[in-house]
Amino acid sequence: MARLFCNAVLALVFVLFCFRGGSGALEKPGGCRQSEIPLIRNLSEQGYDSYSLSFGLSHKTVAGAVHHGMKEIEVWIQTIAPHGRSPIHRHACEEVVIILKGYGTFYLSDGHDPDVPGKPKEIPIYPNSTFSVPVNSVHQVWNTHEAEDLQFMVAISRPPMELFVYRNWSTPHNEAILEEIKWNKLKSSSELKQCKEPELKDEL
């Protein structure tokens, strides 16, 4: 399992390096520059932040738009506790998921009804399985195991993501709620200072 995790991390690090385009510094959306991110980081030294999007979900941004200046893709590691789940949701970006450990069910709307998600397909997920989520497809992940966490790596396109959440599979698309994503916000005043736009000087 450790070898699988390392291989997945190395593969995604390679992709992230390619997207950097050789620049010595990274920019946040809007032109905010930050110091260069180390190519190799020890994720075990970075604690998880728990968020209340749904029961039992914890999230870590490995490389993202807001905190790391990524422009084309964003990479996360998420963990869902036993019997926990993600919300029923959609987003206007592509998503690729790699299951690192645990077992669960991936629910995906078939998209046949233009007004509501409808009854979803149920697809079992397990270690080393992977799946892609098309743009604006309504989906959800459940941890169905009695005792083991479900952990997976996520890569999304076009960050930062906007998340639309559904009450249930019968909720009309136009009633989905735009959810605040806490990891898309800066956490500290020091981060805010780093992203403060430089003052314009009057050259006249």
N, C-alpha and C. Protein backbone atom coordinates (compact mmCIF):
# COMPACT_ATOMS: atom_id res chain seq x y z
N MET A 1 0.83 -1.20 0.00
CA MET A 1 0.00 0.00 0.00
C MET A 1 0.87 1.26 0.00
N ALA A 2 1.97 1.22 0.79
CA ALA A 2 2.86 2.38 0.82
C ALA A 2 3.49 2.61 -0.55
N ARG A 3 3.82 1.50 -1.24
CA ARG A 3 4.42 1.63 -2.57
C ARG A 3 3.43 2.22 -3.55
N LEU A 4 2.16 1.80 -3.47
CA LEU A 4 1.11 2.36 -4.33
C LEU A 4 0.97 3.85 -4.09
N PHE A 5 0.96 4.25 -2.82
CA PHE A 5 0.83 5.67 -2.47
C PHE A 5 1.99 6.47 -3.04
N CYS A 6 3.21 5.96 -2.87
CA CYS A 6 4.39 6.67 -3.36
C CYS A 6 4.37 6.81 -4.88
N ASN A 7 3.97 5.72 -5.58
CA ASN A 7 3.90 5.77 -7.04
C ASN A 7 2.89 6.81 -7.50
N ALA A 8 1.74 6.86 -6.82
CA ALA A 8 0.72 7.84 -7.20
C ALA A 8 1.22 9.26 -6.97
N VAL A 9 1.87 9.49 -5.84
CA VAL A 9 2.40 10.82 -5.54
C VAL A 9 3.45 11.23 -6.55
N LEU A 10 4.39 10.32 -6.88
CA LEU A 10 5.44 10.64 -7.83
C LEU A 10 4.89 10.95 -9.21
N ALA A 11 3.86 10.20 -9.63
CA ALA A 11 3.25 10.45 -10.93
C ALA A 11 2.62 11.83 -10.98
N LEU A 12 1.92 12.19 -9.91
CA LEU A 12 1.27 13.50 -9.90
C LEU A 12 2.28 14.63 -9.74
N VAL A 13 3.36 14.40 -9.00
CA VAL A 13 4.42 15.40 -8.89
C VAL A 13 5.02 15.68 -10.26
N PHE A 14 5.21 14.62 -11.07
CA PHE A 14 5.75 14.79 -12.42
C PHE A 14 4.83 15.65 -13.26
N VAL A 15 3.51 15.39 -13.16
CA VAL A 15 2.54 16.19 -13.91
C VAL A 15 2.59 17.64 -13.47
N LEU A 16 2.65 17.86 -12.15
CA LEU A 16 2.71 19.22 -11.63
C LEU A 16 3.96 19.94 -12.11
N PHE A 17 5.08 19.25 -12.15
CA PHE A 17 6.33 19.85 -12.61
C PHE A 17 6.21 20.27 -14.06
N CYS A 18 5.56 19.45 -14.88
CA CYS A 18 5.38 19.79 -16.30
C CYS A 18 4.54 21.05 -16.44
N PHE A 19 3.51 21.19 -15.62
CA PHE A 19 2.64 22.35 -15.72
C PHE A 19 3.32 23.63 -15.24
N ARG A 20 4.39 23.51 -14.48
CA ARG A 20 5.07 24.70 -13.98
C ARG A 20 5.77 25.46 -15.09
N GLY A 21 6.04 24.78 -16.18
CA GLY A 21 6.61 25.44 -17.34
C GLY A 21 8.00 26.02 -17.11
N GLY A 22 8.70 25.50 -16.10
CA GLY A 22 10.07 25.92 -15.88
C GLY A 22 10.22 27.25 -15.17
N SER A 23 9.14 27.87 -14.74
CA SER A 23 9.22 29.17 -14.07
C SER A 23 9.82 29.00 -12.68
N GLY A 24 10.64 29.95 -12.27
CA GLY A 24 11.26 29.87 -10.96
C GLY A 24 10.33 30.24 -9.83
N ALA A 25 9.21 30.88 -10.12
CA ALA A 25 8.25 31.26 -9.09
C ALA A 25 6.86 31.00 -9.59
N LEU A 26 5.96 30.75 -8.67
CA LEU A 26 4.58 30.45 -9.02
C LEU A 26 3.70 31.64 -8.73
N GLU A 27 2.61 31.77 -9.50
CA GLU A 27 1.69 32.86 -9.32
C GLU A 27 0.33 32.34 -8.93
N LYS A 28 -0.33 33.07 -8.05
CA LYS A 28 -1.72 32.79 -7.75
C LYS A 28 -2.59 33.45 -8.79
N PRO A 29 -3.86 33.03 -8.89
CA PRO A 29 -4.76 33.73 -9.79
C PRO A 29 -4.77 35.22 -9.47
N GLY A 30 -4.74 36.04 -10.52
CA GLY A 30 -4.72 37.47 -10.30
C GLY A 30 -3.32 38.04 -10.22
N GLY A 31 -2.28 37.19 -10.44
CA GLY A 31 -0.92 37.69 -10.52
C GLY A 31 -0.17 37.72 -9.21
N CYS A 32 -0.66 37.09 -8.17
CA CYS A 32 0.03 37.08 -6.88
C CYS A 32 1.17 36.08 -6.93
N ARG A 33 2.41 36.53 -6.70
CA ARG A 33 3.57 35.65 -6.79
C ARG A 33 3.95 35.13 -5.40
N GLN A 34 4.37 33.87 -5.37
CA GLN A 34 4.86 33.27 -4.13
C GLN A 34 6.22 32.67 -4.38
N SER A 35 6.96 32.39 -3.29
CA SER A 35 8.25 31.74 -3.44
C SER A 35 8.06 30.34 -3.99
N GLU A 36 9.08 29.82 -4.59
CA GLU A 36 9.00 28.53 -5.27
C GLU A 36 8.63 27.42 -4.29
N ILE A 37 7.73 26.55 -4.72
CA ILE A 37 7.34 25.40 -3.91
C ILE A 37 8.37 24.30 -4.09
N PRO A 38 8.85 23.65 -3.01
CA PRO A 38 9.79 22.55 -3.17
C PRO A 38 9.23 21.46 -4.06
N LEU A 39 10.06 20.91 -4.91
CA LEU A 39 9.59 19.87 -5.82
C LEU A 39 9.15 18.63 -5.05
N ILE A 40 9.88 18.29 -4.00
CA ILE A 40 9.54 17.12 -3.18
C ILE A 40 9.19 17.60 -1.77
N ARG A 41 8.01 17.21 -1.30
CA ARG A 41 7.59 17.55 0.06
C ARG A 41 7.12 16.28 0.76
N ASN A 42 7.27 16.23 2.08
CA ASN A 42 6.84 15.08 2.88
C ASN A 42 5.42 15.34 3.36
N LEU A 43 4.45 14.68 2.73
CA LEU A 43 3.05 14.92 3.09
C LEU A 43 2.72 14.43 4.49
N SER A 44 3.49 13.47 5.01
CA SER A 44 3.22 12.97 6.35
C SER A 44 3.51 14.03 7.41
N GLU A 45 4.26 15.06 7.06
CA GLU A 45 4.57 16.13 7.99
C GLU A 45 3.53 17.24 7.95
N GLN A 46 2.54 17.10 7.08
CA GLN A 46 1.49 18.11 6.96
C GLN A 46 0.18 17.53 7.45
N GLY A 47 -0.37 18.09 8.51
CA GLY A 47 -1.60 17.56 9.09
C GLY A 47 -2.81 17.82 8.21
N TYR A 48 -3.84 17.04 8.42
CA TYR A 48 -5.07 17.20 7.67
C TYR A 48 -5.96 18.24 8.35
N ASP A 49 -6.65 19.01 7.55
CA ASP A 49 -7.65 19.95 8.04
C ASP A 49 -9.02 19.34 7.81
N SER A 50 -9.86 19.31 8.84
CA SER A 50 -11.19 18.74 8.71
C SER A 50 -12.19 19.83 8.37
N TYR A 51 -13.05 19.54 7.44
CA TYR A 51 -14.06 20.49 7.01
C TYR A 51 -15.44 19.84 7.12
N SER A 52 -16.46 20.67 7.17
CA SER A 52 -17.81 20.20 7.45
C SER A 52 -18.69 20.13 6.21
N LEU A 53 -18.09 19.92 5.03
CA LEU A 53 -18.92 19.76 3.84
C LEU A 53 -19.84 18.56 3.99
N SER A 54 -19.36 17.51 4.60
CA SER A 54 -20.19 16.34 4.87
C SER A 54 -19.55 15.54 5.99
N PHE A 55 -20.28 14.63 6.55
CA PHE A 55 -19.80 13.87 7.69
C PHE A 55 -18.58 13.03 7.33
N GLY A 56 -17.53 13.16 8.16
CA GLY A 56 -16.39 12.26 8.06
C GLY A 56 -15.39 12.59 6.98
N LEU A 57 -15.44 13.76 6.37
CA LEU A 57 -14.53 14.10 5.28
C LEU A 57 -13.39 14.99 5.78
N SER A 58 -12.15 14.60 5.49
CA SER A 58 -10.99 15.45 5.74
C SER A 58 -10.26 15.68 4.42
N HIS A 59 -9.56 16.81 4.34
CA HIS A 59 -9.02 17.26 3.06
C HIS A 59 -7.63 17.83 3.23
N LYS A 60 -6.76 17.54 2.29
CA LYS A 60 -5.45 18.18 2.21
C LYS A 60 -5.19 18.56 0.76
N THR A 61 -4.89 19.85 0.52
CA THR A 61 -4.49 20.29 -0.81
C THR A 61 -3.00 20.07 -0.97
N VAL A 62 -2.63 19.18 -1.89
CA VAL A 62 -1.21 18.91 -2.17
C VAL A 62 -0.61 20.07 -2.96
N ALA A 63 -1.32 20.50 -3.98
CA ALA A 63 -0.91 21.65 -4.79
C ALA A 63 -2.16 22.29 -5.35
N GLY A 64 -2.38 23.56 -5.04
CA GLY A 64 -3.63 24.19 -5.46
C GLY A 64 -3.46 25.61 -5.93
N ALA A 65 -4.57 26.19 -6.39
CA ALA A 65 -4.55 27.53 -6.96
C ALA A 65 -4.33 28.60 -5.90
N VAL A 66 -5.07 28.52 -4.80
CA VAL A 66 -5.06 29.60 -3.81
C VAL A 66 -3.76 29.63 -3.01
N HIS A 67 -3.30 28.47 -2.55
CA HIS A 67 -2.15 28.43 -1.65
C HIS A 67 -0.83 28.14 -2.35
N HIS A 68 -0.87 27.62 -3.58
CA HIS A 68 0.37 27.23 -4.25
C HIS A 68 0.53 27.86 -5.63
N GLY A 69 -0.46 28.62 -6.08
CA GLY A 69 -0.33 29.31 -7.35
C GLY A 69 -0.53 28.47 -8.59
N MET A 70 -1.11 27.27 -8.45
CA MET A 70 -1.34 26.43 -9.62
C MET A 70 -2.40 27.06 -10.52
N LYS A 71 -2.21 26.93 -11.82
CA LYS A 71 -3.12 27.55 -12.78
C LYS A 71 -3.96 26.54 -13.55
N GLU A 72 -3.41 25.38 -13.87
CA GLU A 72 -4.08 24.44 -14.77
C GLU A 72 -4.74 23.27 -14.04
N ILE A 73 -4.10 22.78 -12.98
CA ILE A 73 -4.64 21.63 -12.24
C ILE A 73 -4.48 21.86 -10.74
N GLU A 74 -5.22 21.06 -9.97
CA GLU A 74 -5.11 21.08 -8.51
C GLU A 74 -5.15 19.64 -8.04
N VAL A 75 -4.36 19.32 -7.02
CA VAL A 75 -4.25 17.94 -6.52
C VAL A 75 -4.55 17.93 -5.03
N TRP A 76 -5.40 16.99 -4.62
CA TRP A 76 -5.80 16.84 -3.22
C TRP A 76 -5.56 15.41 -2.76
N ILE A 77 -5.55 15.24 -1.43
CA ILE A 77 -5.76 13.93 -0.81
C ILE A 77 -6.94 14.10 0.14
N GLN A 78 -7.93 13.24 0.00
CA GLN A 78 -9.10 13.29 0.87
C GLN A 78 -9.32 11.94 1.54
N THR A 79 -9.85 11.99 2.75
CA THR A 79 -10.13 10.79 3.52
C THR A 79 -11.56 10.85 4.03
N ILE A 80 -12.29 9.75 3.87
CA ILE A 80 -13.67 9.66 4.36
C ILE A 80 -13.72 8.56 5.41
N ALA A 81 -14.23 8.88 6.59
CA ALA A 81 -14.34 7.92 7.69
C ALA A 81 -15.38 6.85 7.36
N PRO A 82 -15.33 5.71 8.06
CA PRO A 82 -16.33 4.66 7.83
C PRO A 82 -17.76 5.21 7.89
N HIS A 83 -18.55 4.83 6.90
CA HIS A 83 -19.95 5.26 6.74
C HIS A 83 -20.08 6.75 6.42
N GLY A 84 -18.96 7.43 6.19
CA GLY A 84 -19.00 8.83 5.79
C GLY A 84 -19.20 8.95 4.29
N ARG A 85 -19.30 10.20 3.82
CA ARG A 85 -19.60 10.41 2.40
C ARG A 85 -19.21 11.83 2.00
N SER A 86 -19.09 12.01 0.72
CA SER A 86 -19.02 13.36 0.17
C SER A 86 -20.44 13.84 -0.09
N PRO A 87 -20.64 15.14 -0.31
CA PRO A 87 -21.99 15.58 -0.69
C PRO A 87 -22.31 15.14 -2.12
N ILE A 88 -23.58 15.13 -2.46
CA ILE A 88 -23.98 14.98 -3.86
C ILE A 88 -23.67 16.32 -4.52
N HIS A 89 -22.86 16.30 -5.57
CA HIS A 89 -22.37 17.58 -6.08
C HIS A 89 -21.97 17.49 -7.55
N ARG A 90 -21.72 18.65 -8.11
CA ARG A 90 -21.16 18.76 -9.47
C ARG A 90 -20.23 19.97 -9.52
N HIS A 91 -19.39 20.01 -10.55
CA HIS A 91 -18.48 21.13 -10.74
C HIS A 91 -18.08 21.22 -12.21
N ALA A 92 -17.75 22.42 -12.65
CA ALA A 92 -17.43 22.66 -14.05
C ALA A 92 -15.96 22.43 -14.33
N CYS A 93 -15.45 21.30 -13.87
CA CYS A 93 -14.06 20.93 -14.14
C CYS A 93 -13.97 19.42 -14.22
N GLU A 94 -12.96 18.94 -14.92
CA GLU A 94 -12.72 17.51 -14.98
C GLU A 94 -12.09 17.05 -13.67
N GLU A 95 -12.31 15.79 -13.33
CA GLU A 95 -11.78 15.24 -12.08
C GLU A 95 -11.33 13.81 -12.30
N VAL A 96 -10.15 13.49 -11.78
CA VAL A 96 -9.62 12.13 -11.81
C VAL A 96 -9.35 11.71 -10.37
N VAL A 97 -9.78 10.51 -10.00
CA VAL A 97 -9.64 10.01 -8.63
C VAL A 97 -8.87 8.70 -8.65
N ILE A 98 -7.90 8.56 -7.74
CA ILE A 98 -7.16 7.31 -7.53
C ILE A 98 -7.41 6.86 -6.10
N ILE A 99 -7.95 5.66 -5.93
CA ILE A 99 -8.21 5.14 -4.58
C ILE A 99 -6.90 4.59 -4.00
N LEU A 100 -6.48 5.14 -2.88
CA LEU A 100 -5.24 4.72 -2.23
C LEU A 100 -5.48 3.59 -1.24
N LYS A 101 -6.57 3.68 -0.48
CA LYS A 101 -6.91 2.60 0.46
C LYS A 101 -8.39 2.67 0.78
N GLY A 102 -8.92 1.54 1.20
CA GLY A 102 -10.32 1.48 1.60
C GLY A 102 -11.25 1.04 0.48
N TYR A 103 -12.53 0.94 0.84
CA TYR A 103 -13.55 0.45 -0.09
C TYR A 103 -14.78 1.35 0.02
N GLY A 104 -15.48 1.48 -1.09
CA GLY A 104 -16.66 2.32 -1.07
C GLY A 104 -17.47 2.19 -2.34
N THR A 105 -18.35 3.16 -2.55
CA THR A 105 -19.21 3.19 -3.73
C THR A 105 -19.16 4.58 -4.34
N PHE A 106 -18.98 4.62 -5.66
CA PHE A 106 -19.02 5.86 -6.42
C PHE A 106 -20.37 5.94 -7.11
N TYR A 107 -21.10 7.02 -6.85
CA TYR A 107 -22.42 7.24 -7.44
C TYR A 107 -22.30 8.30 -8.53
N LEU A 108 -22.85 8.02 -9.70
CA LEU A 108 -22.74 8.94 -10.84
C LEU A 108 -24.07 9.02 -11.57
N SER A 109 -24.58 10.24 -11.73
CA SER A 109 -25.81 10.45 -12.49
C SER A 109 -25.60 10.06 -13.95
N ASP A 110 -26.62 9.41 -14.54
CA ASP A 110 -26.48 9.03 -15.95
C ASP A 110 -26.74 10.20 -16.89
N GLY A 111 -27.26 11.31 -16.36
CA GLY A 111 -27.45 12.50 -17.17
C GLY A 111 -28.59 12.44 -18.16
N HIS A 112 -29.45 11.43 -18.05
CA HIS A 112 -30.54 11.29 -19.02
C HIS A 112 -31.63 12.34 -18.83
N ASP A 113 -31.86 12.75 -17.58
CA ASP A 113 -32.89 13.75 -17.31
C ASP A 113 -32.24 15.13 -17.27
N PRO A 114 -32.66 16.06 -18.12
CA PRO A 114 -32.03 17.38 -18.15
C PRO A 114 -32.35 18.26 -16.95
N ASP A 115 -33.34 17.85 -16.14
CA ASP A 115 -33.79 18.69 -15.03
C ASP A 115 -33.27 18.27 -13.67
N VAL A 116 -33.12 16.95 -13.45
CA VAL A 116 -32.67 16.44 -12.15
C VAL A 116 -31.61 15.36 -12.37
N PRO A 117 -30.77 15.08 -11.35
CA PRO A 117 -29.78 14.03 -11.51
C PRO A 117 -30.39 12.65 -11.74
N GLY A 118 -31.50 12.35 -11.01
CA GLY A 118 -32.13 11.04 -11.15
C GLY A 118 -31.36 9.95 -10.42
N LYS A 119 -31.83 8.72 -10.57
CA LYS A 119 -31.19 7.60 -9.89
C LYS A 119 -29.78 7.39 -10.45
N PRO A 120 -28.76 7.37 -9.57
CA PRO A 120 -27.39 7.27 -10.07
C PRO A 120 -26.95 5.82 -10.32
N LYS A 121 -25.91 5.69 -11.12
CA LYS A 121 -25.22 4.41 -11.23
C LYS A 121 -24.43 4.18 -9.94
N GLU A 122 -24.29 2.93 -9.53
CA GLU A 122 -23.53 2.59 -8.33
C GLU A 122 -22.32 1.75 -8.76
N ILE A 123 -21.13 2.26 -8.49
CA ILE A 123 -19.91 1.62 -8.96
C ILE A 123 -19.00 1.35 -7.76
N PRO A 124 -18.63 0.09 -7.50
CA PRO A 124 -17.74 -0.20 -6.37
C PRO A 124 -16.33 0.34 -6.62
N ILE A 125 -15.71 0.86 -5.58
CA ILE A 125 -14.33 1.34 -5.67
C ILE A 125 -13.49 0.65 -4.60
N TYR A 126 -12.20 0.50 -4.87
CA TYR A 126 -11.31 -0.31 -4.05
C TYR A 126 -9.88 0.14 -4.30
N PRO A 127 -8.90 -0.31 -3.49
CA PRO A 127 -7.53 0.15 -3.66
C PRO A 127 -7.00 -0.08 -5.07
N ASN A 128 -6.35 0.94 -5.61
CA ASN A 128 -5.75 0.94 -6.94
C ASN A 128 -6.78 1.11 -8.06
N SER A 129 -8.04 1.31 -7.72
CA SER A 129 -9.02 1.64 -8.76
C SER A 129 -8.98 3.14 -9.03
N THR A 130 -9.40 3.52 -10.22
CA THR A 130 -9.41 4.93 -10.59
C THR A 130 -10.62 5.22 -11.45
N PHE A 131 -11.11 6.44 -11.39
CA PHE A 131 -12.23 6.82 -12.24
C PHE A 131 -12.14 8.30 -12.57
N SER A 132 -12.79 8.68 -13.66
CA SER A 132 -12.83 10.07 -14.11
C SER A 132 -14.26 10.57 -14.03
N VAL A 133 -14.42 11.83 -13.66
CA VAL A 133 -15.74 12.45 -13.55
C VAL A 133 -15.85 13.51 -14.64
N PRO A 134 -16.78 13.36 -15.59
CA PRO A 134 -16.93 14.36 -16.64
C PRO A 134 -17.40 15.70 -16.07
N VAL A 135 -17.16 16.76 -16.81
CA VAL A 135 -17.55 18.11 -16.40
C VAL A 135 -19.05 18.17 -16.13
N ASN A 136 -19.42 18.76 -14.99
CA ASN A 136 -20.81 18.99 -14.58
C ASN A 136 -21.63 17.71 -14.39
N SER A 137 -20.98 16.58 -14.20
CA SER A 137 -21.70 15.34 -13.88
C SER A 137 -21.94 15.28 -12.37
N VAL A 138 -23.17 14.99 -11.98
CA VAL A 138 -23.52 14.93 -10.56
C VAL A 138 -23.01 13.60 -9.99
N HIS A 139 -22.32 13.65 -8.85
CA HIS A 139 -21.71 12.43 -8.32
C HIS A 139 -21.53 12.53 -6.81
N GLN A 140 -21.15 11.39 -6.22
CA GLN A 140 -20.96 11.28 -4.77
C GLN A 140 -20.11 10.06 -4.48
N VAL A 141 -19.36 10.11 -3.37
CA VAL A 141 -18.55 8.97 -2.92
C VAL A 141 -18.95 8.61 -1.50
N TRP A 142 -19.18 7.33 -1.26
CA TRP A 142 -19.49 6.80 0.08
C TRP A 142 -18.39 5.83 0.50
N ASN A 143 -18.04 5.88 1.79
CA ASN A 143 -17.21 4.84 2.39
C ASN A 143 -18.15 3.80 2.98
N THR A 144 -18.14 2.61 2.42
CA THR A 144 -19.06 1.55 2.86
C THR A 144 -18.42 0.58 3.84
N HIS A 145 -17.16 0.80 4.19
CA HIS A 145 -16.47 -0.14 5.09
C HIS A 145 -16.86 0.12 6.54
N GLU A 146 -16.89 -0.93 7.34
CA GLU A 146 -17.29 -0.83 8.74
C GLU A 146 -16.23 -0.15 9.60
N ALA A 147 -14.95 -0.31 9.26
CA ALA A 147 -13.91 0.15 10.17
C ALA A 147 -12.76 0.90 9.50
N GLU A 148 -12.61 0.79 8.19
CA GLU A 148 -11.44 1.35 7.50
C GLU A 148 -11.78 2.66 6.80
N ASP A 149 -10.85 3.62 6.90
CA ASP A 149 -11.00 4.86 6.15
C ASP A 149 -10.90 4.60 4.64
N LEU A 150 -11.57 5.44 3.89
CA LEU A 150 -11.44 5.47 2.43
C LEU A 150 -10.59 6.69 2.09
N GLN A 151 -9.44 6.46 1.48
CA GLN A 151 -8.53 7.56 1.15
C GLN A 151 -8.25 7.56 -0.35
N PHE A 152 -8.25 8.75 -0.93
CA PHE A 152 -8.05 8.83 -2.38
C PHE A 152 -7.36 10.13 -2.75
N MET A 153 -6.69 10.10 -3.89
CA MET A 153 -6.04 11.27 -4.45
C MET A 153 -6.90 11.81 -5.58
N VAL A 154 -7.03 13.13 -5.64
CA VAL A 154 -7.90 13.79 -6.61
C VAL A 154 -7.09 14.80 -7.41
N ALA A 155 -7.29 14.83 -8.72
CA ALA A 155 -6.75 15.89 -9.57
C ALA A 155 -7.91 16.53 -10.31
N ILE A 156 -8.01 17.86 -10.24
CA ILE A 156 -9.06 18.57 -10.96
C ILE A 156 -8.43 19.58 -11.91
N SER A 157 -9.19 19.94 -12.94
CA SER A 157 -8.74 20.95 -13.88
C SER A 157 -9.34 22.31 -13.52
N ARG A 158 -8.77 23.35 -14.07
CA ARG A 158 -9.30 24.72 -13.97
C ARG A 158 -9.62 25.17 -12.54
N PRO A 159 -8.65 25.08 -11.63
CA PRO A 159 -8.92 25.54 -10.26
C PRO A 159 -8.95 27.07 -10.19
N PRO A 160 -9.50 27.62 -9.10
CA PRO A 160 -10.18 26.94 -8.00
C PRO A 160 -11.59 26.51 -8.39
N MET A 161 -12.03 25.41 -7.79
CA MET A 161 -13.30 24.79 -8.16
C MET A 161 -14.48 25.49 -7.49
N GLU A 162 -15.59 25.57 -8.23
CA GLU A 162 -16.88 25.98 -7.66
C GLU A 162 -17.74 24.74 -7.49
N LEU A 163 -18.26 24.53 -6.28
CA LEU A 163 -18.96 23.31 -5.92
C LEU A 163 -20.45 23.57 -5.76
N PHE A 164 -21.27 22.86 -6.54
CA PHE A 164 -22.73 22.96 -6.43
C PHE A 164 -23.25 21.70 -5.76
N VAL A 165 -23.95 21.87 -4.63
CA VAL A 165 -24.37 20.75 -3.79
C VAL A 165 -25.88 20.54 -3.90
N TYR A 166 -26.28 19.25 -3.93
CA TYR A 166 -27.69 18.84 -4.04
C TYR A 166 -28.16 18.24 -2.72
N ARG A 167 -29.42 18.50 -2.36
CA ARG A 167 -29.99 17.88 -1.15
C ARG A 167 -30.12 16.37 -1.34
N ASN A 168 -30.56 15.94 -2.51
CA ASN A 168 -30.73 14.53 -2.83
C ASN A 168 -30.70 14.39 -4.35
N TRP A 169 -30.90 13.15 -4.81
CA TRP A 169 -30.79 12.90 -6.25
C TRP A 169 -32.01 13.39 -7.03
N SER A 170 -33.02 13.87 -6.32
CA SER A 170 -34.21 14.43 -6.98
C SER A 170 -34.21 15.96 -7.01
N THR A 171 -33.16 16.56 -6.44
CA THR A 171 -33.07 18.02 -6.43
C THR A 171 -32.85 18.55 -7.85
N PRO A 172 -33.68 19.49 -8.32
CA PRO A 172 -33.46 20.06 -9.66
C PRO A 172 -32.09 20.74 -9.76
N HIS A 173 -31.52 20.68 -10.95
CA HIS A 173 -30.20 21.30 -11.14
C HIS A 173 -30.20 22.77 -10.78
N ASN A 174 -31.29 23.47 -11.08
CA ASN A 174 -31.33 24.90 -10.81
C ASN A 174 -31.54 25.23 -9.33
N GLU A 175 -31.71 24.20 -8.49
CA GLU A 175 -31.82 24.42 -7.05
C GLU A 175 -30.56 23.96 -6.30
N ALA A 176 -29.56 23.48 -7.04
CA ALA A 176 -28.30 23.13 -6.39
C ALA A 176 -27.67 24.39 -5.81
N ILE A 177 -27.05 24.26 -4.64
CA ILE A 177 -26.53 25.40 -3.89
C ILE A 177 -25.02 25.51 -4.09
N LEU A 178 -24.56 26.71 -4.41
CA LEU A 178 -23.12 26.96 -4.52
C LEU A 178 -22.53 26.97 -3.11
N GLU A 179 -21.72 25.95 -2.82
CA GLU A 179 -21.17 25.75 -1.48
C GLU A 179 -19.83 26.47 -1.33
N GLU A 180 -19.64 27.09 -0.18
CA GLU A 180 -18.34 27.69 0.12
C GLU A 180 -17.32 26.58 0.36
N ILE A 181 -16.19 26.65 -0.32
CA ILE A 181 -15.13 25.66 -0.15
C ILE A 181 -14.06 26.28 0.75
N LYS A 182 -13.92 25.75 1.94
CA LYS A 182 -13.06 26.38 2.93
C LYS A 182 -11.58 26.33 2.55
N TRP A 183 -11.17 25.28 1.83
CA TRP A 183 -9.76 25.20 1.49
C TRP A 183 -9.41 26.12 0.31
N ASN A 184 -10.39 26.80 -0.26
CA ASN A 184 -10.12 27.80 -1.29
C ASN A 184 -9.91 29.19 -0.71
N LYS A 185 -9.89 29.29 0.62
CA LYS A 185 -9.69 30.58 1.27
C LYS A 185 -8.32 30.62 1.94
N LEU A 186 -7.72 31.81 1.95
CA LEU A 186 -6.48 31.99 2.68
C LEU A 186 -6.76 31.92 4.17
N LYS A 187 -5.82 31.30 4.91
CA LYS A 187 -6.07 31.05 6.32
C LYS A 187 -5.51 32.12 7.25
N SER A 188 -4.43 32.75 6.86
CA SER A 188 -3.73 33.61 7.81
C SER A 188 -3.49 34.99 7.23
N SER A 189 -3.21 35.93 8.13
CA SER A 189 -2.91 37.29 7.69
C SER A 189 -1.62 37.33 6.89
N SER A 190 -0.67 36.42 7.20
CA SER A 190 0.59 36.40 6.45
C SER A 190 0.35 36.00 5.00
N GLU A 191 -0.58 35.05 4.78
CA GLU A 191 -0.91 34.67 3.42
C GLU A 191 -1.60 35.81 2.69
N LEU A 192 -2.44 36.55 3.41
CA LEU A 192 -3.11 37.69 2.81
C LEU A 192 -2.10 38.76 2.40
N LYS A 193 -1.08 38.97 3.23
CA LYS A 193 -0.06 39.95 2.90
C LYS A 193 0.72 39.52 1.67
N GLN A 194 0.98 38.21 1.53
CA GLN A 194 1.71 37.72 0.37
C GLN A 194 0.94 37.99 -0.91
N CYS A 195 -0.38 38.02 -0.83
CA CYS A 195 -1.20 38.17 -2.01
C CYS A 195 -1.75 39.58 -2.18
N LYS A 196 -1.26 40.51 -1.38
CA LYS A 196 -1.72 41.88 -1.53
C LYS A 196 -1.14 42.47 -2.80
N GLU A 197 -1.99 43.10 -3.60
CA GLU A 197 -1.52 43.69 -4.84
C GLU A 197 -0.54 44.82 -4.54
N PRO A 198 0.57 44.91 -5.30
CA PRO A 198 1.53 45.99 -5.06
C PRO A 198 0.90 47.35 -5.34
N GLU A 199 1.29 48.34 -4.53
CA GLU A 199 0.75 49.68 -4.72
C GLU A 199 1.33 50.29 -5.99
N LEU A 200 0.48 50.97 -6.74
CA LEU A 200 0.91 51.64 -7.96
C LEU A 200 1.54 52.98 -7.61
N LYS A 201 2.70 53.25 -8.17
CA LYS A 201 3.39 54.51 -7.92
C LYS A 201 3.06 55.51 -9.02
N ASP A 202 2.89 56.74 -8.60
CA ASP A 202 2.62 57.81 -9.56
C ASP A 202 3.93 58.23 -10.19
N GLU A 203 4.11 57.89 -11.46
CA GLU A 203 5.36 58.18 -12.13
C GLU A 203 5.39 59.61 -12.69
N LEU A 204 4.28 60.33 -12.60
CA LEU A 204 4.22 61.68 -13.19
C LEU A 204 4.82 62.73 -12.26
